[in-house]
Structure formats: C-alpha cells, structure tokens
Amino acid sequence: MVAVALMSLIVFGLLAMFSQTQRAFRASMTQTDVLESGRIFTDMSIRELGQMAPSGLYATTNFFAELSPLFSDPVLQGLPGTTYHGQAGTEDRRTNLVERMFFLNLLNQTWTGTGYEVLPDYANAGVGTLYRFSVSTNGYWVNQMSSNFLYGIRIAAASLGQGRPVTNLNRMLDGVVHFRVRAFATNGYPIIYDGLRTNAIFRTNSFYNGYLRIRNAAAAIPLASVPDQVNCYFMSNALPAYLEMEVGILEPHILERFKAIGGPTMPPAPALQAAQRRYLSNHVAQVHLFRQRIPIRTVDFSAYQ
C-alpha cells in the first residue's frame, strides 16, 4: 500500500510536470508563429512601400492612409501595473487604431496600385483579418486605381456581411487589432493637419514654432479623442518622405476565444459584442506589436519647399 501510494504521487507529479511543459511548448510555438508571420508581412511591406512612385498626374492619388470606417470606435487596452494607488479603472490605456492604406508603384511602363485593409466579421468588432489588394494597368488608367481599391473593399465587406468568402483580395494576417501608418516629412517631423482647411503641414524645426504646407497633399483629423491621428492624402508629385508602420497581432488562442464569445450568429447580439470588446481590452499582453520606419526613395523634395 505504501509503495502504491508513493508510485501514485510520483505519477501525478510527472503528469503535472509534463502538462506544464506541454502548455509552455504550445505557448512558445504560438508566439513563434505570430512573430514569423508579423516579420514576413513587415519585410514585404518595406520593399513595396519603399518603392512607391508619384504619378505626376493632376487629381491622382499616389498614397493615402486613413482611419478605416469599419474600425471607427478604437479598442482601448489597459496596461498592467499602471493603476493609480491600485484603484480599478485607472490604468494607462493603449489605443488600437486600424487604418487602410493605398499606394502606387511603377515598374517599366506598368503602374501597380496596392492597398491594405483590415476586414472584421462585423463593423467595430475590434479585430479582423488584413487583406491585400493589387491591380496593374498602363498610365492611362492610373488615376482610377485608388477608386478601384475602395470599390473592391466595399465588395469584400459586403461578402463578409452576407457570410460569403472574400474572393477579390489576398489574405495576409489574422487577428489584427492595430494597423497604423504615420507619414513624416523630409526633415523627420510628422505630417499634421493645419486645423483650418485640409492642408497637410509639417513643423520646420524644433526652435521655431512655424509650419510649412506640403504641395499637392491634404490631411484631416478623423477622431477628436486621438488628436495625433491624421488621415493624409498625397497626389500629383507629392509623397511622404518616411512612413512609420505599426501592426498589432492577437495570439491565435485568444482570437479563437474572442470569436467563441460571439456565438455562431453574425453579427452577434449587442450584449455579446460588448463582451467581446471587454475580453479584448483585458488581453493587451497577448498582442504582439511590430513597428518599422520606412524611407521613401522616390520622394520629390520640391513638394516640401
């Protein structure tokens, strides 16, 4: 009896150890998969964005980055360890923004328009799948490429809303909760909105509080609650000099639980939608953030003078 009891304790201890090791192994494999997919996407985007080209045509969009209307309500995630004297609800919060982006590339005589959009299962779900749009044409139709991208996005969003698969876009990343692209001027200062019209401007230097307008560019503030979030549009010969791209990817097992909360119907009931957002807001540690600064080689400096 004593020997059986001792053997049982040893077996139970070994089972607990193996179970813990298995959980740790699965967690490390999940993080490896997320990190690998994020790095692959950022590496590909760096090559594409660094080679964007200005069309030189009037009223033709070379590049734009704007807040996605499918994510107009940002997800706020509390940061652990930032409470004020331990009081609940006083955490510093990270704001997750999701934008969509479009840009032009030129290879020989062929223009390519490329766009990225995050599509959720329903509007303002807080998490979605990043898709890539691409179309090529000659110089005669280049002024319609950005419109083609926006039209393709509307068709894809309608397909998801009706439960049909997306067929006109390429799937890139799952579990995206944050996708932000910020534009910078030739001197490294961020491009902002002048507050009066739709001019895109940038600060001239750190000693003089003056601003200079960028030619053939426009800007707007989509969210009063996030004043540094700027929608920017570059046309004709204008391009941003640098881009800073951020991508936040949710771990797969957290994404599965998020979807399970909503149930099989789409969109879920309002109470379930609220429960899903609360679940996201409590899992900031399971979001892997990738950030990259990208120089644009073909920037026309005359647009900044």
C-alpha atoms as a PDB file:
ATOM      1  CA  MET A   1       0.000   0.000   0.000  1.00  0.00           C
ATOM      2  CA  VAL A   2       2.808   2.374   0.867  1.00  0.00           C
ATOM      3  CA  ALA A   3       4.564   1.552  -2.416  1.00  0.00           C
ATOM      4  CA  VAL A   4       1.352   2.112  -4.409  1.00  0.00           C
ATOM      5  CA  ALA A   5       0.777   5.460  -2.680  1.00  0.00           C
ATOM      6  CA  LEU A   6       4.334   6.572  -3.398  1.00  0.00           C
ATOM      7  CA  MET A   7       4.087   5.497  -7.026  1.00  0.00           C
ATOM      8  CA  SER A   8       0.781   7.362  -7.374  1.00  0.00           C
ATOM      9  CA  LEU A   9       2.357  10.553  -6.021  1.00  0.00           C
ATOM     10  CA  ILE A  10       5.286  10.191  -8.411  1.00  0.00           C
ATOM     11  CA  VAL A  11       2.985   9.573 -11.398  1.00  0.00           C
ATOM     12  CA  PHE A  12       0.770  12.544 -10.531  1.00  0.00           C
ATOM     13  CA  GLY A  13       3.845  14.736 -10.159  1.00  0.00           C
ATOM     14  CA  LEU A  14       5.192  13.625 -13.521  1.00  0.00           C
ATOM     15  CA  LEU A  15       1.815  14.225 -15.182  1.00  0.00           C
ATOM     16  CA  ALA A  16       1.651  17.741 -13.760  1.00  0.00           C
ATOM     17  CA  MET A  17       5.198  18.438 -14.933  1.00  0.00           C
ATOM     18  CA  PHE A  18       4.516  17.079 -18.444  1.00  0.00           C
ATOM     19  CA  SER A  19       1.261  19.067 -18.655  1.00  0.00           C
ATOM     20  CA  GLN A  20       3.043  22.282 -17.678  1.00  0.00           C
ATOM     21  CA  THR A  21       5.836  21.580 -20.151  1.00  0.00           C
ATOM     22  CA  GLN A  22       3.313  20.931 -22.907  1.00  0.00           C
ATOM     23  CA  ARG A  23       1.488  24.211 -22.197  1.00  0.00           C
ATOM     24  CA  ALA A  24       4.766  26.118 -22.243  1.00  0.00           C
ATOM     25  CA  PHE A  25       5.756  24.434 -25.512  1.00  0.00           C
ATOM     26  CA  ARG A  26       2.438  25.292 -27.151  1.00  0.00           C
ATOM     27  CA  ALA A  27       2.669  28.902 -25.958  1.00  0.00           C
ATOM     28  CA  SER A  28       6.192  29.265 -27.344  1.00  0.00           C
ATOM     29  CA  MET A  29       5.150  27.738 -30.682  1.00  0.00           C
ATOM     30  CA  THR A  30       2.183  30.120 -30.876  1.00  0.00           C
ATOM     31  CA  GLN A  31       4.406  33.129 -30.225  1.00  0.00           C
ATOM     32  CA  THR A  32       6.903  31.865 -32.806  1.00  0.00           C
ATOM     33  CA  ASP A  33       4.170  31.579 -35.438  1.00  0.00           C
ATOM     34  CA  VAL A  34       2.855  35.087 -34.681  1.00  0.00           C
ATOM     35  CA  LEU A  35       6.347  36.603 -34.735  1.00  0.00           C
ATOM     36  CA  GLU A  36       7.207  34.842 -38.000  1.00  0.00           C
ATOM     37  CA  SER A  37       4.028  35.978 -39.773  1.00  0.00           C
ATOM     38  CA  GLY A  38       4.475  39.543 -38.495  1.00  0.00           C
ATOM     39  CA  ARG A  39       8.084  39.720 -39.660  1.00  0.00           C
ATOM     40  CA  ILE A  40       7.230  38.301 -43.082  1.00  0.00           C
ATOM     41  CA  PHE A  41       4.500  40.890 -43.558  1.00  0.00           C
ATOM     42  CA  THR A  42       6.669  43.818 -42.430  1.00  0.00           C
ATOM     43  CA  ASP A  43       9.574  42.710 -44.655  1.00  0.00           C
ATOM     44  CA  MET A  44       7.284  42.517 -47.678  1.00  0.00           C
ATOM     45  CA  SER A  45       5.685  45.873 -46.892  1.00  0.00           C
ATOM     46  CA  ILE A  46       9.062  47.577 -46.513  1.00  0.00           C
ATOM     47  CA  ARG A  47      10.041  46.585 -50.042  1.00  0.00           C
ATOM     48  CA  GLU A  48       6.711  47.666 -51.527  1.00  0.00           C
ATOM     49  CA  LEU A  49       6.323  50.946 -49.671  1.00  0.00           C
ATOM     50  CA  GLY A  50       9.949  51.984 -50.148  1.00  0.00           C
ATOM     51  CA  GLN A  51       9.484  51.804 -53.936  1.00  0.00           C
ATOM     52  CA  MET A  52       6.208  53.745 -54.211  1.00  0.00           C
ATOM     53  CA  ALA A  53       6.181  56.244 -57.063  1.00  0.00           C
ATOM     54  CA  PRO A  54       4.437  59.571 -57.713  1.00  0.00           C
ATOM     55  CA  SER A  55       2.143  59.615 -60.706  1.00  0.00           C
ATOM     56  CA  GLY A  56       2.762  63.265 -61.578  1.00  0.00           C
ATOM     57  CA  LEU A  57      -0.860  63.499 -62.730  1.00  0.00           C
ATOM     58  CA  TYR A  58      -3.409  66.011 -61.504  1.00  0.00           C
ATOM     59  CA  ALA A  59      -6.005  64.690 -59.025  1.00  0.00           C
ATOM     60  CA  THR A  60      -4.377  61.244 -58.992  1.00  0.00           C
ATOM     61  CA  THR A  61      -3.778  59.677 -55.590  1.00  0.00           C
ATOM     62  CA  ASN A  62      -0.229  58.403 -55.087  1.00  0.00           C
ATOM     63  CA  PHE A  63      -0.653  57.419 -51.447  1.00  0.00           C
ATOM     64  CA  PHE A  64      -3.227  57.668 -48.713  1.00  0.00           C
ATOM     65  CA  ALA A  65      -3.624  56.333 -45.183  1.00  0.00           C
ATOM     66  CA  GLU A  66      -6.879  56.901 -43.361  1.00  0.00           C
ATOM     67  CA  LEU A  67      -8.851  55.519 -40.448  1.00  0.00           C
ATOM     68  CA  SER A  68     -10.948  52.572 -41.595  1.00  0.00           C
ATOM     69  CA  PRO A  69     -14.693  53.232 -41.261  1.00  0.00           C
ATOM     70  CA  LEU A  70     -15.021  49.599 -40.176  1.00  0.00           C
ATOM     71  CA  PHE A  71     -13.000  50.442 -37.015  1.00  0.00           C
ATOM     72  CA  SER A  72     -14.235  53.924 -36.162  1.00  0.00           C
ATOM     73  CA  ASP A  73     -14.503  53.001 -32.453  1.00  0.00           C
ATOM     74  CA  PRO A  74     -10.948  52.232 -31.200  1.00  0.00           C
ATOM     75  CA  VAL A  75     -10.289  49.392 -28.780  1.00  0.00           C
ATOM     76  CA  LEU A  76      -8.646  50.596 -25.548  1.00  0.00           C
ATOM     77  CA  GLN A  77      -6.492  48.108 -23.647  1.00  0.00           C
ATOM     78  CA  GLY A  78      -5.412  48.712 -20.054  1.00  0.00           C
ATOM     79  CA  LEU A  79      -1.696  48.368 -19.321  1.00  0.00           C
ATOM     80  CA  PRO A  80      -0.935  46.165 -16.277  1.00  0.00           C
ATOM     81  CA  GLY A  81       0.911  47.809 -13.401  1.00  0.00           C
ATOM     82  CA  THR A  82      -0.176  51.365 -14.239  1.00  0.00           C
ATOM     83  CA  THR A  83      -3.064  51.794 -11.788  1.00  0.00           C
ATOM     84  CA  TYR A  84      -3.210  54.843  -9.553  1.00  0.00           C
ATOM     85  CA  HIS A  85      -2.710  53.568  -5.978  1.00  0.00           C
ATOM     86  CA  GLY A  86      -4.260  50.264  -7.011  1.00  0.00           C
ATOM     87  CA  GLN A  87      -7.598  51.808  -7.936  1.00  0.00           C
ATOM     88  CA  ALA A  88      -9.534  49.803 -10.519  1.00  0.00           C
ATOM     89  CA  GLY A  89     -10.225  51.581 -13.813  1.00  0.00           C
ATOM     90  CA  THR A  90      -7.260  53.974 -13.527  1.00  0.00           C
ATOM     91  CA  GLU A  91      -4.858  52.091 -15.810  1.00  0.00           C
ATOM     92  CA  ASP A  92      -2.992  53.776 -18.616  1.00  0.00           C
ATOM     93  CA  ARG A  93      -4.602  52.561 -21.806  1.00  0.00           C
ATOM     94  CA  ARG A  94      -3.175  51.811 -25.218  1.00  0.00           C
ATOM     95  CA  THR A  95      -5.339  52.923 -28.131  1.00  0.00           C
ATOM     96  CA  ASN A  96      -5.612  50.449 -31.001  1.00  0.00           C
ATOM     97  CA  LEU A  97      -6.293  52.142 -34.326  1.00  0.00           C
ATOM     98  CA  VAL A  98      -6.959  50.400 -37.621  1.00  0.00           C
ATOM     99  CA  GLU A  99      -6.285  52.251 -40.869  1.00  0.00           C
ATOM    100  CA  ARG A 100      -6.417  51.387 -44.525  1.00  0.00           C
ATOM    101  CA  MET A 101      -3.667  52.304 -46.955  1.00  0.00           C
ATOM    102  CA  PHE A 102      -3.124  52.634 -50.703  1.00  0.00           C
ATOM    103  CA  PHE A 103      -0.045  53.470 -52.783  1.00  0.00           C
ATOM    104  CA  LEU A 104       1.296  53.357 -56.346  1.00  0.00           C
ATOM    105  CA  ASN A 105       4.341  51.560 -57.766  1.00  0.00           C
ATOM    106  CA  LEU A 106       5.892  51.844 -61.220  1.00  0.00           C
ATOM    107  CA  LEU A 107       7.822  49.068 -62.981  1.00  0.00           C
ATOM    108  CA  ASN A 108       8.950  49.935 -66.518  1.00  0.00           C
ATOM    109  CA  GLN A 109       5.674  51.185 -68.079  1.00  0.00           C
ATOM    110  CA  THR A 110       3.306  49.317 -65.764  1.00  0.00           C
ATOM    111  CA  TRP A 111       1.612  51.006 -62.829  1.00  0.00           C
ATOM    112  CA  THR A 112       0.539  48.897 -59.854  1.00  0.00           C
ATOM    113  CA  GLY A 113      -1.907  50.050 -57.218  1.00  0.00           C
ATOM    114  CA  THR A 114      -1.650  48.247 -53.875  1.00  0.00           C
ATOM    115  CA  GLY A 115      -3.941  48.615 -50.893  1.00  0.00           C
ATOM    116  CA  TYR A 116      -4.254  47.092 -47.432  1.00  0.00           C
ATOM    117  CA  GLU A 117      -7.476  46.867 -45.428  1.00  0.00           C
ATOM    118  CA  VAL A 118      -8.441  45.053 -42.230  1.00  0.00           C
ATOM    119  CA  LEU A 119     -11.878  43.455 -42.549  1.00  0.00           C
ATOM    120  CA  PRO A 120     -13.696  42.427 -39.336  1.00  0.00           C
ATOM    121  CA  ASP A 121     -16.509  39.918 -39.065  1.00  0.00           C
ATOM    122  CA  TYR A 122     -18.782  42.888 -38.328  1.00  0.00           C
ATOM    123  CA  ALA A 123     -18.304  46.661 -38.045  1.00  0.00           C
ATOM    124  CA  ASN A 124     -16.315  47.787 -34.970  1.00  0.00           C
ATOM    125  CA  ALA A 125     -15.599  44.225 -33.862  1.00  0.00           C
ATOM    126  CA  GLY A 126     -12.147  45.383 -32.730  1.00  0.00           C
ATOM    127  CA  VAL A 127     -10.196  42.642 -34.521  1.00  0.00           C
ATOM    128  CA  GLY A 128     -10.116  41.453 -38.120  1.00  0.00           C
ATOM    129  CA  THR A 129      -8.121  39.972 -40.981  1.00  0.00           C
ATOM    130  CA  LEU A 130      -5.661  42.026 -43.013  1.00  0.00           C
ATOM    131  CA  TYR A 131      -6.168  41.724 -46.786  1.00  0.00           C
ATOM    132  CA  ARG A 132      -4.075  42.937 -49.702  1.00  0.00           C
ATOM    133  CA  PHE A 133      -5.489  44.429 -52.913  1.00  0.00           C
ATOM    134  CA  SER A 134      -3.433  44.792 -56.087  1.00  0.00           C
ATOM    135  CA  VAL A 135      -4.205  45.877 -59.646  1.00  0.00           C
ATOM    136  CA  SER A 136      -1.938  46.774 -62.582  1.00  0.00           C
ATOM    137  CA  THR A 137      -2.537  48.921 -65.652  1.00  0.00           C
ATOM    138  CA  ASN A 138      -0.899  51.367 -68.019  1.00  0.00           C
ATOM    139  CA  GLY A 139      -0.589  55.094 -67.402  1.00  0.00           C
ATOM    140  CA  TYR A 140      -3.970  55.888 -68.958  1.00  0.00           C
ATOM    141  CA  TRP A 141      -5.979  54.321 -66.092  1.00  0.00           C
ATOM    142  CA  VAL A 142      -3.676  55.134 -63.188  1.00  0.00           C
ATOM    143  CA  ASN A 143      -5.994  57.887 -61.909  1.00  0.00           C
ATOM    144  CA  GLN A 144      -8.706  55.270 -61.199  1.00  0.00           C
ATOM    145  CA  MET A 145      -6.637  52.836 -59.130  1.00  0.00           C
ATOM    146  CA  SER A 146      -7.450  54.242 -55.699  1.00  0.00           C
ATOM    147  CA  SER A 147     -11.158  54.198 -56.585  1.00  0.00           C
ATOM    148  CA  ASN A 148     -10.817  50.578 -57.689  1.00  0.00           C
ATOM    149  CA  PHE A 149      -9.292  49.731 -54.316  1.00  0.00           C
ATOM    150  CA  LEU A 150     -12.121  51.375 -52.373  1.00  0.00           C
ATOM    151  CA  TYR A 151     -14.709  49.675 -54.578  1.00  0.00           C
ATOM    152  CA  GLY A 152     -13.056  46.288 -54.069  1.00  0.00           C
ATOM    153  CA  ILE A 153     -13.097  46.835 -50.314  1.00  0.00           C
ATOM    154  CA  ARG A 154     -16.826  47.587 -50.346  1.00  0.00           C
ATOM    155  CA  ILE A 155     -17.485  44.371 -52.280  1.00  0.00           C
ATOM    156  CA  ALA A 156     -15.331  42.358 -49.847  1.00  0.00           C
ATOM    157  CA  ALA A 157     -17.016  43.862 -46.773  1.00  0.00           C
ATOM    158  CA  ALA A 158     -20.436  43.079 -48.246  1.00  0.00           C
ATOM    159  CA  SER A 159     -19.342  39.473 -48.876  1.00  0.00           C
ATOM    160  CA  LEU A 160     -18.315  39.047 -45.243  1.00  0.00           C
ATOM    161  CA  GLY A 161     -21.572  40.589 -44.053  1.00  0.00           C
ATOM    162  CA  GLN A 162     -23.502  38.011 -46.094  1.00  0.00           C
ATOM    163  CA  GLY A 163     -21.405  35.086 -44.895  1.00  0.00           C
ATOM    164  CA  ARG A 164     -19.629  34.601 -48.237  1.00  0.00           C
ATOM    165  CA  PRO A 165     -15.822  34.260 -48.625  1.00  0.00           C
ATOM    166  CA  VAL A 166     -13.748  37.164 -49.900  1.00  0.00           C
ATOM    167  CA  THR A 167     -12.589  36.451 -53.446  1.00  0.00           C
ATOM    168  CA  ASN A 168     -11.123  39.725 -54.765  1.00  0.00           C
ATOM    169  CA  LEU A 169      -8.435  40.199 -52.062  1.00  0.00           C
ATOM    170  CA  ASN A 170      -5.430  38.244 -50.791  1.00  0.00           C
ATOM    171  CA  ARG A 171      -5.470  37.202 -47.147  1.00  0.00           C
ATOM    172  CA  MET A 172      -2.358  38.317 -45.237  1.00  0.00           C
ATOM    173  CA  LEU A 173      -2.746  38.260 -41.428  1.00  0.00           C
ATOM    174  CA  ASP A 174      -5.384  37.067 -38.955  1.00  0.00           C
ATOM    175  CA  GLY A 175      -6.107  38.599 -35.568  1.00  0.00           C
ATOM    176  CA  VAL A 176      -5.099  42.176 -36.407  1.00  0.00           C
ATOM    177  CA  VAL A 177      -6.190  44.649 -33.719  1.00  0.00           C
ATOM    178  CA  HIS A 178      -3.896  47.538 -34.654  1.00  0.00           C
ATOM    179  CA  PHE A 179      -2.741  48.743 -38.078  1.00  0.00           C
ATOM    180  CA  ARG A 180      -1.446  52.297 -38.236  1.00  0.00           C
ATOM    181  CA  VAL A 181       0.635  54.135 -40.829  1.00  0.00           C
ATOM    182  CA  ARG A 182       2.022  57.588 -39.972  1.00  0.00           C
ATOM    183  CA  ALA A 183       3.567  59.880 -42.588  1.00  0.00           C
ATOM    184  CA  PHE A 184       6.628  62.054 -41.996  1.00  0.00           C
ATOM    185  CA  ALA A 185       8.167  64.991 -43.868  1.00  0.00           C
ATOM    186  CA  THR A 186      11.675  65.266 -45.284  1.00  0.00           C
ATOM    187  CA  ASN A 187      13.050  66.675 -42.007  1.00  0.00           C
ATOM    188  CA  GLY A 188      11.605  63.825 -39.935  1.00  0.00           C
ATOM    189  CA  TYR A 189       8.677  65.695 -38.389  1.00  0.00           C
ATOM    190  CA  PRO A 190       5.239  64.073 -38.609  1.00  0.00           C
ATOM    191  CA  ILE A 191       2.714  65.378 -41.096  1.00  0.00           C
ATOM    192  CA  ILE A 192      -0.241  67.016 -39.372  1.00  0.00           C
ATOM    193  CA  TYR A 193      -3.442  68.921 -40.107  1.00  0.00           C
ATOM    194  CA  ASP A 194      -3.450  72.735 -40.006  1.00  0.00           C
ATOM    195  CA  GLY A 195      -6.797  72.908 -38.184  1.00  0.00           C
ATOM    196  CA  LEU A 196      -8.395  75.341 -40.625  1.00  0.00           C
ATOM    197  CA  ARG A 197      -8.609  73.754 -44.049  1.00  0.00           C
ATOM    198  CA  THR A 198      -7.463  70.371 -45.357  1.00  0.00           C
ATOM    199  CA  ASN A 199      -3.804  71.331 -45.714  1.00  0.00           C
ATOM    200  CA  ALA A 200      -1.107  68.835 -44.811  1.00  0.00           C
ATOM    201  CA  ILE A 201       1.701  70.665 -42.994  1.00  0.00           C
ATOM    202  CA  PHE A 202       4.863  69.830 -41.051  1.00  0.00           C
ATOM    203  CA  ARG A 203       6.950  71.621 -38.479  1.00  0.00           C
ATOM    204  CA  THR A 204      10.029  73.332 -39.884  1.00  0.00           C
ATOM    205  CA  ASN A 205      12.366  72.889 -36.877  1.00  0.00           C
ATOM    206  CA  SER A 206      12.467  72.494 -33.112  1.00  0.00           C
ATOM    207  CA  PHE A 207      13.418  76.120 -32.368  1.00  0.00           C
ATOM    208  CA  TYR A 208      10.844  77.968 -34.463  1.00  0.00           C
ATOM    209  CA  ASN A 209       7.194  77.174 -33.951  1.00  0.00           C
ATOM    210  CA  GLY A 210       6.389  77.524 -37.631  1.00  0.00           C
ATOM    211  CA  TYR A 211       4.794  75.164 -40.109  1.00  0.00           C
ATOM    212  CA  LEU A 212       5.156  74.633 -43.839  1.00  0.00           C
ATOM    213  CA  ARG A 213       2.473  73.389 -46.179  1.00  0.00           C
ATOM    214  CA  ILE A 214       3.083  70.367 -48.401  1.00  0.00           C
ATOM    215  CA  ARG A 215       2.081  70.892 -52.020  1.00  0.00           C
ATOM    216  CA  ASN A 216      -0.489  68.522 -53.564  1.00  0.00           C
ATOM    217  CA  ALA A 217      -1.282  66.953 -50.177  1.00  0.00           C
ATOM    218  CA  ALA A 218      -4.274  67.029 -47.842  1.00  0.00           C
ATOM    219  CA  ALA A 219      -4.916  65.969 -44.254  1.00  0.00           C
ATOM    220  CA  ALA A 220      -7.770  65.600 -41.779  1.00  0.00           C
ATOM    221  CA  ILE A 221      -8.338  64.560 -38.154  1.00  0.00           C
ATOM    222  CA  PRO A 222     -10.857  61.667 -38.032  1.00  0.00           C
ATOM    223  CA  LEU A 223     -11.037  61.301 -34.230  1.00  0.00           C
ATOM    224  CA  ALA A 224     -11.203  64.165 -31.752  1.00  0.00           C
ATOM    225  CA  SER A 225     -10.234  61.717 -28.983  1.00  0.00           C
ATOM    226  CA  VAL A 226      -6.937  60.899 -30.761  1.00  0.00           C
ATOM    227  CA  PRO A 227      -5.575  64.294 -31.888  1.00  0.00           C
ATOM    228  CA  ASP A 228      -2.323  62.891 -33.313  1.00  0.00           C
ATOM    229  CA  GLN A 229      -4.228  60.559 -35.649  1.00  0.00           C
ATOM    230  CA  VAL A 230      -4.182  62.166 -39.114  1.00  0.00           C
ATOM    231  CA  ASN A 231      -5.644  60.960 -42.384  1.00  0.00           C
ATOM    232  CA  CYS A 232      -3.262  62.021 -45.154  1.00  0.00           C
ATOM    233  CA  TYR A 233      -3.532  62.065 -48.941  1.00  0.00           C
ATOM    234  CA  PHE A 234      -0.725  62.680 -51.470  1.00  0.00           C
ATOM    235  CA  MET A 235      -1.388  63.486 -55.130  1.00  0.00           C
ATOM    236  CA  SER A 236       0.452  64.529 -58.304  1.00  0.00           C
ATOM    237  CA  ASN A 237       4.190  64.702 -57.433  1.00  0.00           C
ATOM    238  CA  ALA A 238       3.807  64.508 -53.630  1.00  0.00           C
ATOM    239  CA  LEU A 239       4.829  61.555 -51.452  1.00  0.00           C
ATOM    240  CA  PRO A 240       5.682  61.185 -47.773  1.00  0.00           C
ATOM    241  CA  ALA A 241       9.411  61.094 -47.069  1.00  0.00           C
ATOM    242  CA  TYR A 242       9.097  58.429 -44.370  1.00  0.00           C
ATOM    243  CA  LEU A 243       6.415  56.093 -43.107  1.00  0.00           C
ATOM    244  CA  GLU A 244       6.094  54.511 -39.690  1.00  0.00           C
ATOM    245  CA  MET A 245       4.006  51.354 -39.813  1.00  0.00           C
ATOM    246  CA  GLU A 246       2.645  49.571 -36.754  1.00  0.00           C
ATOM    247  CA  VAL A 247       0.882  46.196 -36.772  1.00  0.00           C
ATOM    248  CA  GLY A 248      -0.623  44.580 -33.671  1.00  0.00           C
ATOM    249  CA  ILE A 249      -1.461  40.857 -33.939  1.00  0.00           C
ATOM    250  CA  LEU A 250      -3.527  38.940 -31.404  1.00  0.00           C
ATOM    251  CA  GLU A 251      -2.393  35.453 -30.403  1.00  0.00           C
ATOM    252  CA  PRO A 252      -4.460  32.717 -32.140  1.00  0.00           C
ATOM    253  CA  HIS A 253      -5.903  31.084 -28.999  1.00  0.00           C
ATOM    254  CA  ILE A 254      -7.136  34.486 -27.748  1.00  0.00           C
ATOM    255  CA  LEU A 255      -8.670  35.128 -31.166  1.00  0.00           C
ATOM    256  CA  GLU A 256     -10.479  31.776 -31.018  1.00  0.00           C
ATOM    257  CA  ARG A 257     -11.915  32.568 -27.600  1.00  0.00           C
ATOM    258  CA  PHE A 258     -12.948  36.027 -28.805  1.00  0.00           C
ATOM    259  CA  LYS A 259     -14.915  34.503 -31.672  1.00  0.00           C
ATOM    260  CA  ALA A 260     -16.440  31.854 -29.398  1.00  0.00           C
ATOM    261  CA  ILE A 261     -17.896  34.591 -27.184  1.00  0.00           C
ATOM    262  CA  GLY A 262     -19.898  35.917 -30.136  1.00  0.00           C
ATOM    263  CA  GLY A 263     -21.570  32.612 -30.890  1.00  0.00           C
ATOM    264  CA  PRO A 264     -22.452  31.247 -34.346  1.00  0.00           C
ATOM    265  CA  THR A 265     -24.661  34.151 -35.486  1.00  0.00           C
ATOM    266  CA  MET A 266     -23.103  37.123 -37.253  1.00  0.00           C
ATOM    267  CA  PRO A 267     -23.173  39.843 -36.208  1.00  0.00           C
ATOM    268  CA  PRO A 268     -23.567  38.764 -32.573  1.00  0.00           C
ATOM    269  CA  ALA A 269     -26.160  40.236 -30.257  1.00  0.00           C
ATOM    270  CA  PRO A 270     -25.195  43.654 -28.772  1.00  0.00           C
ATOM    271  CA  ALA A 271     -24.550  42.106 -25.349  1.00  0.00           C
ATOM    272  CA  LEU A 272     -22.146  39.577 -26.877  1.00  0.00           C
ATOM    273  CA  GLN A 273     -20.408  42.312 -28.879  1.00  0.00           C
ATOM    274  CA  ALA A 274     -19.829  44.244 -25.654  1.00  0.00           C
ATOM    275  CA  ALA A 275     -18.482  41.077 -24.001  1.00  0.00           C
ATOM    276  CA  GLN A 276     -16.067  40.547 -26.898  1.00  0.00           C
ATOM    277  CA  ARG A 277     -14.680  44.081 -26.605  1.00  0.00           C
ATOM    278  CA  ARG A 278     -14.245  43.691 -22.840  1.00  0.00           C
ATOM    279  CA  TYR A 279     -12.371  40.462 -23.491  1.00  0.00           C
ATOM    280  CA  LEU A 280     -10.047  42.232 -25.947  1.00  0.00           C
ATOM    281  CA  SER A 281      -9.451  45.131 -23.580  1.00  0.00           C
ATOM    282  CA  ASN A 282      -8.170  42.707 -20.911  1.00  0.00           C
ATOM    283  CA  HIS A 283      -5.596  40.958 -23.110  1.00  0.00           C
ATOM    284  CA  VAL A 284      -3.061  43.595 -24.036  1.00  0.00           C
ATOM    285  CA  ALA A 285      -0.227  41.178 -23.141  1.00  0.00           C
ATOM    286  CA  GLN A 286      -1.364  38.829 -25.922  1.00  0.00           C
ATOM    287  CA  VAL A 287      -0.953  41.475 -28.644  1.00  0.00           C
ATOM    288  CA  HIS A 288       2.373  41.383 -30.488  1.00  0.00           C
ATOM    289  CA  LEU A 289       3.295  44.791 -31.876  1.00  0.00           C
ATOM    290  CA  PHE A 290       5.556  45.238 -34.928  1.00  0.00           C
ATOM    291  CA  ARG A 291       6.883  48.691 -35.811  1.00  0.00           C
ATOM    292  CA  GLN A 292       9.016  49.724 -38.763  1.00  0.00           C
ATOM    293  CA  ARG A 293      10.318  53.058 -40.082  1.00  0.00           C
ATOM    294  CA  ILE A 294      10.370  53.051 -43.894  1.00  0.00           C
ATOM    295  CA  PRO A 295      12.209  55.658 -46.020  1.00  0.00           C
ATOM    296  CA  ILE A 296      10.632  56.513 -49.385  1.00  0.00           C
ATOM    297  CA  ARG A 297      13.374  56.630 -52.013  1.00  0.00           C
ATOM    298  CA  THR A 298      11.409  58.439 -54.725  1.00  0.00           C
ATOM    299  CA  VAL A 299      10.222  61.420 -52.666  1.00  0.00           C
ATOM    300  CA  ASP A 300      10.076  64.721 -54.574  1.00  0.00           C
ATOM    301  CA  PHE A 301      11.658  67.362 -52.308  1.00  0.00           C
ATOM    302  CA  SER A 302      10.070  70.223 -54.281  1.00  0.00           C
ATOM    303  CA  ALA A 303       6.699  69.367 -52.689  1.00  0.00           C
ATOM    304  CA  TYR A 304       8.184  70.338 -49.281  1.00  0.00           C
ATOM    305  CA  GLN A 305       9.691  73.680 -50.307  1.00  0.00           C
END
